[in-house]
Full PDB file with SEQRES, HELIX, SHEET, SSBOND, CRYST1, ORIGX, SCALE, CONECT and MASTER records, all heavy atoms in Angstrom:
SEQRES   1 A   41  ASN TYR ALA ASP SER ALA LYS GLY ARG PHE THR ILE SER          
SEQRES   2 A   41  ARG ASP ASN ALA LYS ASN THR VAL TYR LEU GLN MET ASN          
SEQRES   3 A   41  SER LEU LYS PRO GLU ASP THR ALA VAL TYR TYR CYS THR          
SEQRES   4 A   41  VAL PHE                                                      
HELIX    1 AA1 ASN A   16  LYS A   18  5                                   3    
HELIX    2 AA2 PRO A   30  ASP A   32  5                                   3    
SHEET    1 AA1 2 PHE A  10  ASP A  15  0                                        
SHEET    2 AA1 2 THR A  20  MET A  25 -1                                        
CRYST1    1.000    1.000    1.000  90.00  90.00  90.00 P 1           1          
ORIGX1      1.000000  0.000000  0.000000        0.00000                         
ORIGX2      0.000000  1.000000  0.000000        0.00000                         
ORIGX3      0.000000  0.000000  1.000000        0.00000                         
SCALE1      1.000000  0.000000  0.000000        0.00000                         
SCALE2      0.000000  1.000000  0.000000        0.00000                         
SCALE3      0.000000  0.000000  1.000000        0.00000                         
ATOM      1  N   ASN A   1     -19.512  89.479  92.176  1.00  0.00           N  
ATOM      2  CA  ASN A   1     -19.437  88.068  92.403  1.00  0.00           C  
ATOM      3  C   ASN A   1     -18.713  87.996  93.732  1.00  0.00           C  
ATOM      4  O   ASN A   1     -17.944  88.845  94.157  1.00  0.00           O  
ATOM      5  CB  ASN A   1     -18.458  87.432  91.405  1.00  0.00           C  
ATOM      6  CG  ASN A   1     -19.166  87.191  90.036  1.00  0.00           C  
ATOM      7  OD1 ASN A   1     -20.054  86.284  89.955  1.00  0.00           O  
ATOM      8  ND2 ASN A   1     -18.903  87.989  89.020  1.00  0.00           N  
ATOM      9  N   TYR A   2     -19.077  86.806  94.425  1.00  0.00           N  
ATOM     10  CA  TYR A   2     -18.610  86.667  95.742  1.00  0.00           C  
ATOM     11  C   TYR A   2     -17.945  85.268  95.988  1.00  0.00           C  
ATOM     12  O   TYR A   2     -18.390  84.293  95.309  1.00  0.00           O  
ATOM     13  CB  TYR A   2     -19.847  86.773  96.783  1.00  0.00           C  
ATOM     14  CG  TYR A   2     -20.494  88.174  96.719  1.00  0.00           C  
ATOM     15  CD1 TYR A   2     -21.525  88.411  95.815  1.00  0.00           C  
ATOM     16  CD2 TYR A   2     -20.031  89.086  97.665  1.00  0.00           C  
ATOM     17  CE1 TYR A   2     -22.048  89.661  95.855  1.00  0.00           C  
ATOM     18  CE2 TYR A   2     -20.657  90.346  97.682  1.00  0.00           C  
ATOM     19  CZ  TYR A   2     -21.569  90.700  96.837  1.00  0.00           C  
ATOM     20  OH  TYR A   2     -22.256  91.852  96.844  1.00  0.00           O  
ATOM     21  N   ALA A   3     -17.010  85.225  96.916  1.00  0.00           N  
ATOM     22  CA  ALA A   3     -16.659  83.902  97.391  1.00  0.00           C  
ATOM     23  C   ALA A   3     -17.748  83.235  98.026  1.00  0.00           C  
ATOM     24  O   ALA A   3     -18.675  83.885  98.642  1.00  0.00           O  
ATOM     25  CB  ALA A   3     -15.471  84.080  98.321  1.00  0.00           C  
ATOM     26  N   ASP A   4     -17.770  81.933  98.108  1.00  0.00           N  
ATOM     27  CA  ASP A   4     -19.000  81.095  98.723  1.00  0.00           C  
ATOM     28  C   ASP A   4     -19.088  81.629 100.249  1.00  0.00           C  
ATOM     29  O   ASP A   4     -20.159  81.688 100.725  1.00  0.00           O  
ATOM     30  CB  ASP A   4     -18.696  79.689  98.766  1.00  0.00           C  
ATOM     31  CG  ASP A   4     -18.925  79.116  97.254  1.00  0.00           C  
ATOM     32  OD1 ASP A   4     -19.612  79.855  96.330  1.00  0.00           O  
ATOM     33  OD2 ASP A   4     -18.458  77.979  96.957  1.00  0.00           O  
ATOM     34  N   SER A   5     -17.918  81.812 100.879  1.00  0.00           N  
ATOM     35  CA  SER A   5     -18.017  82.190 102.247  1.00  0.00           C  
ATOM     36  C   SER A   5     -18.718  83.507 102.528  1.00  0.00           C  
ATOM     37  O   SER A   5     -19.075  83.860 103.740  1.00  0.00           O  
ATOM     38  CB  SER A   5     -16.589  82.160 102.880  1.00  0.00           C  
ATOM     39  OG  SER A   5     -15.784  83.167 102.170  1.00  0.00           O  
ATOM     40  N   ALA A   6     -18.636  84.415 101.536  1.00  0.00           N  
ATOM     41  CA  ALA A   6     -19.172  85.734 101.618  1.00  0.00           C  
ATOM     42  C   ALA A   6     -20.816  85.835 101.128  1.00  0.00           C  
ATOM     43  O   ALA A   6     -21.384  86.834 101.504  1.00  0.00           O  
ATOM     44  CB  ALA A   6     -18.368  86.700 100.813  1.00  0.00           C  
ATOM     45  N   LYS A   7     -21.183  84.929 100.384  1.00  0.00           N  
ATOM     46  CA  LYS A   7     -22.542  84.988  99.800  1.00  0.00           C  
ATOM     47  C   LYS A   7     -23.536  85.027 100.912  1.00  0.00           C  
ATOM     48  O   LYS A   7     -23.506  84.326 101.845  1.00  0.00           O  
ATOM     49  CB  LYS A   7     -22.742  83.766  98.875  1.00  0.00           C  
ATOM     50  CG  LYS A   7     -21.941  83.944  97.540  1.00  0.00           C  
ATOM     51  CD  LYS A   7     -22.220  82.597  96.742  1.00  0.00           C  
ATOM     52  CE  LYS A   7     -21.397  82.707  95.492  1.00  0.00           C  
ATOM     53  NZ  LYS A   7     -21.615  81.466  94.571  1.00  0.00           N  
ATOM     54  N   GLY A   8     -24.417  86.024 100.716  1.00  0.00           N  
ATOM     55  CA  GLY A   8     -25.548  86.128 101.704  1.00  0.00           C  
ATOM     56  C   GLY A   8     -25.185  86.942 102.923  1.00  0.00           C  
ATOM     57  O   GLY A   8     -26.110  87.321 103.736  1.00  0.00           O  
ATOM     58  N   ARG A   9     -23.928  87.269 103.095  1.00  0.00           N  
ATOM     59  CA  ARG A   9     -23.559  88.012 104.277  1.00  0.00           C  
ATOM     60  C   ARG A   9     -22.896  89.284 103.919  1.00  0.00           C  
ATOM     61  O   ARG A   9     -23.065  90.365 104.564  1.00  0.00           O  
ATOM     62  CB  ARG A   9     -22.608  87.215 105.197  1.00  0.00           C  
ATOM     63  CG  ARG A   9     -23.200  85.928 105.815  1.00  0.00           C  
ATOM     64  CD  ARG A   9     -22.255  85.175 106.732  1.00  0.00           C  
ATOM     65  NE  ARG A   9     -20.982  84.952 106.255  1.00  0.00           N  
ATOM     66  CZ  ARG A   9     -19.809  85.300 106.602  1.00  0.00           C  
ATOM     67  NH1 ARG A   9     -19.816  86.088 107.724  1.00  0.00           N  
ATOM     68  NH2 ARG A   9     -18.657  84.931 106.081  1.00  0.00           N  
ATOM     69  N   PHE A  10     -22.045  89.391 102.848  1.00  0.00           N  
ATOM     70  CA  PHE A  10     -21.357  90.495 102.463  1.00  0.00           C  
ATOM     71  C   PHE A  10     -21.891  91.073 101.233  1.00  0.00           C  
ATOM     72  O   PHE A  10     -22.558  90.363 100.369  1.00  0.00           O  
ATOM     73  CB  PHE A  10     -19.806  90.114 102.180  1.00  0.00           C  
ATOM     74  CG  PHE A  10     -19.047  89.636 103.332  1.00  0.00           C  
ATOM     75  CD1 PHE A  10     -19.640  89.541 104.647  1.00  0.00           C  
ATOM     76  CD2 PHE A  10     -17.786  89.351 103.157  1.00  0.00           C  
ATOM     77  CE1 PHE A  10     -18.922  89.070 105.724  1.00  0.00           C  
ATOM     78  CE2 PHE A  10     -17.064  88.889 104.311  1.00  0.00           C  
ATOM     79  CZ  PHE A  10     -17.606  88.720 105.555  1.00  0.00           C  
ATOM     80  N   THR A  11     -21.830  92.418 101.071  1.00  0.00           N  
ATOM     81  CA  THR A  11     -22.283  93.096  99.907  1.00  0.00           C  
ATOM     82  C   THR A  11     -21.255  94.117  99.397  1.00  0.00           C  
ATOM     83  O   THR A  11     -20.792  94.903 100.205  1.00  0.00           O  
ATOM     84  CB  THR A  11     -23.630  93.909 100.131  1.00  0.00           C  
ATOM     85  OG1 THR A  11     -24.542  92.995 100.613  1.00  0.00           O  
ATOM     86  CG2 THR A  11     -24.093  94.544  98.850  1.00  0.00           C  
ATOM     87  N   ILE A  12     -20.791  93.988  98.197  1.00  0.00           N  
ATOM     88  CA  ILE A  12     -19.909  94.900  97.646  1.00  0.00           C  
ATOM     89  C   ILE A  12     -20.563  95.844  96.737  1.00  0.00           C  
ATOM     90  O   ILE A  12     -21.583  95.587  96.128  1.00  0.00           O  
ATOM     91  CB  ILE A  12     -18.784  94.163  96.777  1.00  0.00           C  
ATOM     92  CG1 ILE A  12     -17.635  95.068  96.373  1.00  0.00           C  
ATOM     93  CG2 ILE A  12     -19.462  93.510  95.511  1.00  0.00           C  
ATOM     94  CD1 ILE A  12     -16.550  94.350  95.709  1.00  0.00           C  
ATOM     95  N   SER A  13     -20.178  97.149  96.816  1.00  0.00           N  
ATOM     96  CA  SER A  13     -20.758  98.226  96.050  1.00  0.00           C  
ATOM     97  C   SER A  13     -19.714  99.181  95.663  1.00  0.00           C  
ATOM     98  O   SER A  13     -18.513  99.202  96.213  1.00  0.00           O  
ATOM     99  CB  SER A  13     -21.950  98.847  96.806  1.00  0.00           C  
ATOM    100  OG  SER A  13     -21.450  99.449  98.055  1.00  0.00           O  
ATOM    101  N   ARG A  14     -19.993 100.139  94.788  1.00  0.00           N  
ATOM    102  CA  ARG A  14     -18.957 101.117  94.333  1.00  0.00           C  
ATOM    103  C   ARG A  14     -19.658 102.447  94.029  1.00  0.00           C  
ATOM    104  O   ARG A  14     -20.845 102.465  93.602  1.00  0.00           O  
ATOM    105  CB  ARG A  14     -18.167 100.618  93.183  1.00  0.00           C  
ATOM    106  CG  ARG A  14     -18.851 100.349  91.957  1.00  0.00           C  
ATOM    107  CD  ARG A  14     -18.073  99.604  90.816  1.00  0.00           C  
ATOM    108  NE  ARG A  14     -17.128 100.513  90.245  1.00  0.00           N  
ATOM    109  CZ  ARG A  14     -16.094 100.064  89.467  1.00  0.00           C  
ATOM    110  NH1 ARG A  14     -15.950  98.818  89.190  1.00  0.00           N  
ATOM    111  NH2 ARG A  14     -15.326 101.024  88.795  1.00  0.00           N  
ATOM    112  N   ASP A  15     -18.924 103.523  94.206  1.00  0.00           N  
ATOM    113  CA  ASP A  15     -19.317 104.821  93.759  1.00  0.00           C  
ATOM    114  C   ASP A  15     -18.444 105.365  92.759  1.00  0.00           C  
ATOM    115  O   ASP A  15     -17.277 105.732  93.103  1.00  0.00           O  
ATOM    116  CB  ASP A  15     -19.487 105.712  95.008  1.00  0.00           C  
ATOM    117  CG  ASP A  15     -19.978 107.117  94.714  1.00  0.00           C  
ATOM    118  OD1 ASP A  15     -19.850 107.531  93.542  1.00  0.00           O  
ATOM    119  OD2 ASP A  15     -20.623 107.822  95.552  1.00  0.00           O  
ATOM    120  N   ASN A  16     -18.765 105.250  91.516  1.00  0.00           N  
ATOM    121  CA  ASN A  16     -17.808 105.593  90.437  1.00  0.00           C  
ATOM    122  C   ASN A  16     -17.401 107.056  90.568  1.00  0.00           C  
ATOM    123  O   ASN A  16     -16.247 107.378  90.066  1.00  0.00           O  
ATOM    124  CB  ASN A  16     -18.321 105.166  89.084  1.00  0.00           C  
ATOM    125  CG  ASN A  16     -18.429 103.709  88.961  1.00  0.00           C  
ATOM    126  OD1 ASN A  16     -17.695 102.914  89.420  1.00  0.00           O  
ATOM    127  ND2 ASN A  16     -19.519 103.273  88.132  1.00  0.00           N  
ATOM    128  N   ALA A  17     -18.285 107.937  90.934  1.00  0.00           N  
ATOM    129  CA  ALA A  17     -17.978 109.347  90.987  1.00  0.00           C  
ATOM    130  C   ALA A  17     -16.845 109.580  92.009  1.00  0.00           C  
ATOM    131  O   ALA A  17     -16.081 110.594  91.882  1.00  0.00           O  
ATOM    132  CB  ALA A  17     -19.269 110.109  91.262  1.00  0.00           C  
ATOM    133  N   LYS A  18     -16.861 108.836  93.011  1.00  0.00           N  
ATOM    134  CA  LYS A  18     -15.852 108.968  94.167  1.00  0.00           C  
ATOM    135  C   LYS A  18     -14.708 108.003  94.019  1.00  0.00           C  
ATOM    136  O   LYS A  18     -13.807 108.075  94.752  1.00  0.00           O  
ATOM    137  CB  LYS A  18     -16.527 108.737  95.517  1.00  0.00           C  
ATOM    138  CG  LYS A  18     -17.632 109.844  95.764  1.00  0.00           C  
ATOM    139  CD  LYS A  18     -18.127 109.581  97.128  1.00  0.00           C  
ATOM    140  CE  LYS A  18     -19.242 110.674  97.450  1.00  0.00           C  
ATOM    141  NZ  LYS A  18     -19.818 110.443  98.821  1.00  0.00           N  
ATOM    142  N   ASN A  19     -14.662 107.127  92.935  1.00  0.00           N  
ATOM    143  CA  ASN A  19     -13.650 106.095  92.789  1.00  0.00           C  
ATOM    144  C   ASN A  19     -13.545 105.372  94.156  1.00  0.00           C  
ATOM    145  O   ASN A  19     -12.404 104.998  94.528  1.00  0.00           O  
ATOM    146  CB  ASN A  19     -12.328 106.719  92.483  1.00  0.00           C  
ATOM    147  CG  ASN A  19     -12.429 107.284  90.966  1.00  0.00           C  
ATOM    148  OD1 ASN A  19     -13.021 106.759  90.115  1.00  0.00           O  
ATOM    149  ND2 ASN A  19     -11.877 108.557  90.804  1.00  0.00           N  
ATOM    150  N   THR A  20     -14.580 104.935  94.724  1.00  0.00           N  
ATOM    151  CA  THR A  20     -14.574 104.284  95.972  1.00  0.00           C  
ATOM    152  C   THR A  20     -15.385 102.960  95.975  1.00  0.00           C  
ATOM    153  O   THR A  20     -16.413 102.843  95.257  1.00  0.00           O  
ATOM    154  CB  THR A  20     -15.238 105.139  97.083  1.00  0.00           C  
ATOM    155  OG1 THR A  20     -14.417 106.281  97.176  1.00  0.00           O  
ATOM    156  CG2 THR A  20     -15.255 104.446  98.356  1.00  0.00           C  
ATOM    157  N   VAL A  21     -14.899 101.933  96.506  1.00  0.00           N  
ATOM    158  CA  VAL A  21     -15.504 100.677  96.685  1.00  0.00           C  
ATOM    159  C   VAL A  21     -15.822 100.295  98.116  1.00  0.00           C  
ATOM    160  O   VAL A  21     -14.896 100.675  98.947  1.00  0.00           O  
ATOM    161  CB  VAL A  21     -14.699  99.543  95.996  1.00  0.00           C  
ATOM    162  CG1 VAL A  21     -13.271  99.402  96.660  1.00  0.00           C  
ATOM    163  CG2 VAL A  21     -15.445  98.161  95.961  1.00  0.00           C  
ATOM    164  N   TYR A  22     -16.922  99.697  98.392  1.00  0.00           N  
ATOM    165  CA  TYR A  22     -17.251  99.399  99.711  1.00  0.00           C  
ATOM    166  C   TYR A  22     -17.523  97.960  99.939  1.00  0.00           C  
ATOM    167  O   TYR A  22     -17.754  97.205  98.862  1.00  0.00           O  
ATOM    168  CB  TYR A  22     -18.594 100.169 100.188  1.00  0.00           C  
ATOM    169  CG  TYR A  22     -18.538 101.640  99.905  1.00  0.00           C  
ATOM    170  CD1 TYR A  22     -19.029 102.173  98.705  1.00  0.00           C  
ATOM    171  CD2 TYR A  22     -18.101 102.419 100.859  1.00  0.00           C  
ATOM    172  CE1 TYR A  22     -19.023 103.494  98.471  1.00  0.00           C  
ATOM    173  CE2 TYR A  22     -18.019 103.873 100.640  1.00  0.00           C  
ATOM    174  CZ  TYR A  22     -18.517 104.306  99.434  1.00  0.00           C  
ATOM    175  OH  TYR A  22     -18.466 105.735  99.257  1.00  0.00           O  
ATOM    176  N   LEU A  23     -17.412  97.474 101.178  1.00  0.00           N  
ATOM    177  CA  LEU A  23     -17.658  96.082 101.458  1.00  0.00           C  
ATOM    178  C   LEU A  23     -18.557  96.133 102.833  1.00  0.00           C  
ATOM    179  O   LEU A  23     -17.902  96.335 103.870  1.00  0.00           O  
ATOM    180  CB  LEU A  23     -16.480  95.227 101.671  1.00  0.00           C  
ATOM    181  CG  LEU A  23     -16.793  93.663 101.830  1.00  0.00           C  
ATOM    182  CD1 LEU A  23     -17.415  93.096 100.618  1.00  0.00           C  
ATOM    183  CD2 LEU A  23     -15.514  92.917 102.216  1.00  0.00           C  
ATOM    184  N   GLN A  24     -19.777  95.781 102.676  1.00  0.00           N  
ATOM    185  CA  GLN A  24     -20.633  95.772 103.881  1.00  0.00           C  
ATOM    186  C   GLN A  24     -20.610  94.295 104.340  1.00  0.00           C  
ATOM    187  O   GLN A  24     -20.873  93.378 103.522  1.00  0.00           O  
ATOM    188  CB  GLN A  24     -22.076  96.119 103.536  1.00  0.00           C  
ATOM    189  CG  GLN A  24     -23.024  96.038 104.723  1.00  0.00           C  
ATOM    190  CD  GLN A  24     -22.745  96.980 105.829  1.00  0.00           C  
ATOM    191  OE1 GLN A  24     -22.414  98.180 105.623  1.00  0.00           O  
ATOM    192  NE2 GLN A  24     -22.859  96.507 107.084  1.00  0.00           N  
ATOM    193  N   MET A  25     -20.155  94.095 105.598  1.00  0.00           N  
ATOM    194  CA  MET A  25     -20.071  92.748 106.111  1.00  0.00           C  
ATOM    195  C   MET A  25     -20.998  92.563 107.284  1.00  0.00           C  
ATOM    196  O   MET A  25     -20.833  93.296 108.220  1.00  0.00           O  
ATOM    197  CB  MET A  25     -18.527  92.480 106.542  1.00  0.00           C  
ATOM    198  CG  MET A  25     -17.552  92.740 105.483  1.00  0.00           C  
ATOM    199  SD  MET A  25     -15.909  92.218 105.898  1.00  0.00           S  
ATOM    200  CE  MET A  25     -15.536  93.483 107.266  1.00  0.00           C  
ATOM    201  N   ASN A  26     -21.924  91.663 107.172  1.00  0.00           N  
ATOM    202  CA  ASN A  26     -22.894  91.426 108.196  1.00  0.00           C  
ATOM    203  C   ASN A  26     -22.720  89.945 108.672  1.00  0.00           C  
ATOM    204  O   ASN A  26     -22.037  89.128 108.056  1.00  0.00           O  
ATOM    205  CB  ASN A  26     -24.315  91.597 107.662  1.00  0.00           C  
ATOM    206  CG  ASN A  26     -24.628  92.939 107.231  1.00  0.00           C  
ATOM    207  OD1 ASN A  26     -24.026  93.971 107.695  1.00  0.00           O  
ATOM    208  ND2 ASN A  26     -25.428  93.107 106.112  1.00  0.00           N  
ATOM    209  N   SER A  27     -23.374  89.710 109.838  1.00  0.00           N  
ATOM    210  CA  SER A  27     -23.288  88.338 110.436  1.00  0.00           C  
ATOM    211  C   SER A  27     -21.754  87.839 110.476  1.00  0.00           C  
ATOM    212  O   SER A  27     -21.580  86.659 110.074  1.00  0.00           O  
ATOM    213  CB  SER A  27     -24.171  87.365 109.677  1.00  0.00           C  
ATOM    214  OG  SER A  27     -25.455  87.929 109.638  1.00  0.00           O  
ATOM    215  N   LEU A  28     -20.961  88.661 110.916  1.00  0.00           N  
ATOM    216  CA  LEU A  28     -19.497  88.269 110.964  1.00  0.00           C  
ATOM    217  C   LEU A  28     -19.299  87.074 111.855  1.00  0.00           C  
ATOM    218  O   LEU A  28     -19.860  86.925 112.949  1.00  0.00           O  
ATOM    219  CB  LEU A  28     -18.693  89.448 111.319  1.00  0.00           C  
ATOM    220  CG  LEU A  28     -18.502  90.489 110.173  1.00  0.00           C  
ATOM    221  CD1 LEU A  28     -18.107  91.928 110.755  1.00  0.00           C  
ATOM    222  CD2 LEU A  28     -17.466  90.009 109.170  1.00  0.00           C  
ATOM    223  N   LYS A  29     -18.236  86.272 111.455  1.00  0.00           N  
ATOM    224  CA  LYS A  29     -17.864  85.147 112.131  1.00  0.00           C  
ATOM    225  C   LYS A  29     -16.413  85.184 112.504  1.00  0.00           C  
ATOM    226  O   LYS A  29     -15.646  85.831 111.802  1.00  0.00           O  
ATOM    227  CB  LYS A  29     -18.098  83.930 111.229  1.00  0.00           C  
ATOM    228  CG  LYS A  29     -19.498  83.747 110.738  1.00  0.00           C  
ATOM    229  CD  LYS A  29     -19.568  82.528 109.804  1.00  0.00           C  
ATOM    230  CE  LYS A  29     -20.992  82.340 109.144  1.00  0.00           C  
ATOM    231  NZ  LYS A  29     -21.037  81.180 108.128  1.00  0.00           N  
ATOM    232  N   PRO A  30     -15.956  84.514 113.534  1.00  0.00           N  
ATOM    233  CA  PRO A  30     -14.593  84.529 113.888  1.00  0.00           C  
ATOM    234  C   PRO A  30     -13.662  84.138 112.702  1.00  0.00           C  
ATOM    235  O   PRO A  30     -12.597  84.672 112.527  1.00  0.00           O  
ATOM    236  CB  PRO A  30     -14.489  83.443 114.993  1.00  0.00           C  
ATOM    237  CG  PRO A  30     -15.827  83.447 115.619  1.00  0.00           C  
ATOM    238  CD  PRO A  30     -16.803  83.738 114.500  1.00  0.00           C  
ATOM    239  N   GLU A  31     -14.171  83.250 111.823  1.00  0.00           N  
ATOM    240  CA  GLU A  31     -13.262  82.848 110.674  1.00  0.00           C  
ATOM    241  C   GLU A  31     -13.203  83.915 109.624  1.00  0.00           C  
ATOM    242  O   GLU A  31     -12.459  83.829 108.654  1.00  0.00           O  
ATOM    243  CB  GLU A  31     -13.853  81.555 109.998  1.00  0.00           C  
ATOM    244  CG  GLU A  31     -15.271  81.569 109.763  1.00  0.00           C  
ATOM    245  CD  GLU A  31     -16.150  80.930 110.777  1.00  0.00           C  
ATOM    246  OE1 GLU A  31     -15.917  81.174 111.966  1.00  0.00           O  
ATOM    247  OE2 GLU A  31     -16.973  80.207 110.411  1.00  0.00           O  
ATOM    248  N   ASP A  32     -13.851  85.036 109.775  1.00  0.00           N  
ATOM    249  CA  ASP A  32     -13.741  86.181 108.918  1.00  0.00           C  
ATOM    250  C   ASP A  32     -12.642  87.036 109.376  1.00  0.00           C  
ATOM    251  O   ASP A  32     -12.224  87.984 108.551  1.00  0.00           O  
ATOM    252  CB  ASP A  32     -15.011  87.098 108.961  1.00  0.00           C  
ATOM    253  CG  ASP A  32     -16.282  86.355 108.304  1.00  0.00           C  
ATOM    254  OD1 ASP A  32     -16.134  85.632 107.312  1.00  0.00           O  
ATOM    255  OD2 ASP A  32     -17.308  86.482 108.880  1.00  0.00           O  
ATOM    256  N   THR A  33     -11.907  86.800 110.467  1.00  0.00           N  
ATOM    257  CA  THR A  33     -10.831  87.465 110.902  1.00  0.00           C  
ATOM    258  C   THR A  33      -9.721  87.389 109.916  1.00  0.00           C  
ATOM    259  O   THR A  33      -9.268  86.352 109.483  1.00  0.00           O  
ATOM    260  CB  THR A  33     -10.255  86.883 112.264  1.00  0.00           C  
ATOM    261  OG1 THR A  33     -11.324  87.120 113.281  1.00  0.00           O  
ATOM    262  CG2 THR A  33      -8.981  87.695 112.715  1.00  0.00           C  
ATOM    263  N   ALA A  34      -9.241  88.605 109.462  1.00  0.00           N  
ATOM    264  CA  ALA A  34      -8.211  88.650 108.459  1.00  0.00           C  
ATOM    265  C   ALA A  34      -7.845  90.082 108.146  1.00  0.00           C  
ATOM    266  O   ALA A  34      -8.472  91.000 108.645  1.00  0.00           O  
ATOM    267  CB  ALA A  34      -8.792  88.060 107.080  1.00  0.00           C  
ATOM    268  N   VAL A  35      -6.781  90.281 107.348  1.00  0.00           N  
ATOM    269  CA  VAL A  35      -6.410  91.577 106.892  1.00  0.00           C  
ATOM    270  C   VAL A  35      -7.240  91.630 105.403  1.00  0.00           C  
ATOM    271  O   VAL A  35      -7.012  90.762 104.675  1.00  0.00           O  
ATOM    272  CB  VAL A  35      -4.935  91.782 106.610  1.00  0.00           C  
ATOM    273  CG1 VAL A  35      -4.647  93.114 105.918  1.00  0.00           C  
ATOM    274  CG2 VAL A  35      -4.159  91.604 107.999  1.00  0.00           C  
ATOM    275  N   TYR A  36      -8.006  92.752 105.344  1.00  0.00           N  
ATOM    276  CA  TYR A  36      -8.698  92.866 104.082  1.00  0.00           C  
ATOM    277  C   TYR A  36      -7.988  93.904 103.227  1.00  0.00           C  
ATOM    278  O   TYR A  36      -7.661  95.001 103.697  1.00  0.00           O  
ATOM    279  CB  TYR A  36     -10.160  93.296 104.450  1.00  0.00           C  
ATOM    280  CG  TYR A  36     -10.938  92.193 104.933  1.00  0.00           C  
ATOM    281  CD1 TYR A  36     -10.870  91.609 106.178  1.00  0.00           C  
ATOM    282  CD2 TYR A  36     -11.979  91.639 104.099  1.00  0.00           C  
ATOM    283  CE1 TYR A  36     -11.472  90.480 106.690  1.00  0.00           C  
ATOM    284  CE2 TYR A  36     -12.759  90.549 104.621  1.00  0.00           C  
ATOM    285  CZ  TYR A  36     -12.469  90.075 105.832  1.00  0.00           C  
ATOM    286  OH  TYR A  36     -13.221  88.920 106.401  1.00  0.00           O  
ATOM    287  N   TYR A  37      -7.818  93.494 101.946  1.00  0.00           N  
ATOM    288  CA  TYR A  37      -7.169  94.360 100.987  1.00  0.00           C  
ATOM    289  C   TYR A  37      -8.095  94.743  99.832  1.00  0.00           C  
ATOM    290  O   TYR A  37      -8.832  93.889  99.323  1.00  0.00           O  
ATOM    291  CB  TYR A  37      -5.933  93.621 100.383  1.00  0.00           C  
ATOM    292  CG  TYR A  37      -4.906  93.306 101.248  1.00  0.00           C  
ATOM    293  CD1 TYR A  37      -4.899  92.046 101.950  1.00  0.00           C  
ATOM    294  CD2 TYR A  37      -3.850  94.205 101.512  1.00  0.00           C  
ATOM    295  CE1 TYR A  37      -3.814  91.594 102.817  1.00  0.00           C  
ATOM    296  CE2 TYR A  37      -2.822  93.710 102.416  1.00  0.00           C  
ATOM    297  CZ  TYR A  37      -2.869  92.511 103.106  1.00  0.00           C  
ATOM    298  OH  TYR A  37      -1.862  92.181 103.922  1.00  0.00           O  
ATOM    299  N   CYS A  38      -8.214  96.010  99.536  1.00  0.00           N  
ATOM    300  CA  CYS A  38      -8.933  96.419  98.284  1.00  0.00           C  
ATOM    301  C   CYS A  38      -8.027  96.335  97.162  1.00  0.00           C  
ATOM    302  O   CYS A  38      -6.816  96.484  97.228  1.00  0.00           O  
ATOM    303  CB  CYS A  38      -9.685  97.704  98.442  1.00  0.00           C  
ATOM    304  SG  CYS A  38      -8.613  99.124  98.306  1.00  0.00           S  
ATOM    305  N   THR A  39      -8.594  96.170  95.917  1.00  0.00           N  
ATOM    306  CA  THR A  39      -7.763  96.148  94.770  1.00  0.00           C  
ATOM    307  C   THR A  39      -8.579  96.767  93.545  1.00  0.00           C  
ATOM    308  O   THR A  39      -9.808  96.681  93.557  1.00  0.00           O  
ATOM    309  CB  THR A  39      -7.410  94.598  94.419  1.00  0.00           C  
ATOM    310  OG1 THR A  39      -6.442  94.679  93.250  1.00  0.00           O  
ATOM    311  CG2 THR A  39      -8.640  93.795  93.975  1.00  0.00           C  
ATOM    312  N   VAL A  40      -7.923  97.421  92.662  1.00  0.00           N  
ATOM    313  CA  VAL A  40      -8.630  97.969  91.465  1.00  0.00           C  
ATOM    314  C   VAL A  40      -7.689  97.590  90.227  1.00  0.00           C  
ATOM    315  O   VAL A  40      -6.515  97.403  90.344  1.00  0.00           O  
ATOM    316  CB  VAL A  40      -8.774  99.509  91.623  1.00  0.00           C  
ATOM    317  CG1 VAL A  40      -9.551  99.935  92.747  1.00  0.00           C  
ATOM    318  CG2 VAL A  40      -7.327 100.111  91.534  1.00  0.00           C  
ATOM    319  N   PHE A  41      -8.477  97.523  89.178  1.00  0.00           N  
ATOM    320  CA  PHE A  41      -7.877  97.193  87.830  1.00  0.00           C  
ATOM    321  C   PHE A  41      -8.151  98.417  86.977  1.00  0.00           C  
ATOM    322  O   PHE A  41      -9.231  98.745  86.771  1.00  0.00           O  
ATOM    323  CB  PHE A  41      -8.518  95.881  87.288  1.00  0.00           C  
ATOM    324  CG  PHE A  41      -8.328  94.632  88.019  1.00  0.00           C  
ATOM    325  CD1 PHE A  41      -9.076  94.460  89.135  1.00  0.00           C  
ATOM    326  CD2 PHE A  41      -7.287  93.769  87.712  1.00  0.00           C  
ATOM    327  CE1 PHE A  41      -8.914  93.220  89.905  1.00  0.00           C  
ATOM    328  CE2 PHE A  41      -7.064  92.637  88.449  1.00  0.00           C  
ATOM    329  CZ  PHE A  41      -7.877  92.323  89.599  1.00  0.00           C  
TER     330      PHE A  41                                                      
MASTER        0    0    0    2    2    0    0    6  329    1    0    4          
END                                                                             
C-alpha cells in the first residue's frame, strides 16, 4: 500500500530471505526531500 503521493512513482519490495526491504523511487520531486525511515513489525 502506498501514500497517494507515492502511487505510480515509488515501488516497495522485500526479500524475505535477506530480511531486506527496498523502496524504488522514480520521477522524484523536490517535495520528496525528507529523511526516510524504514520500519519493521
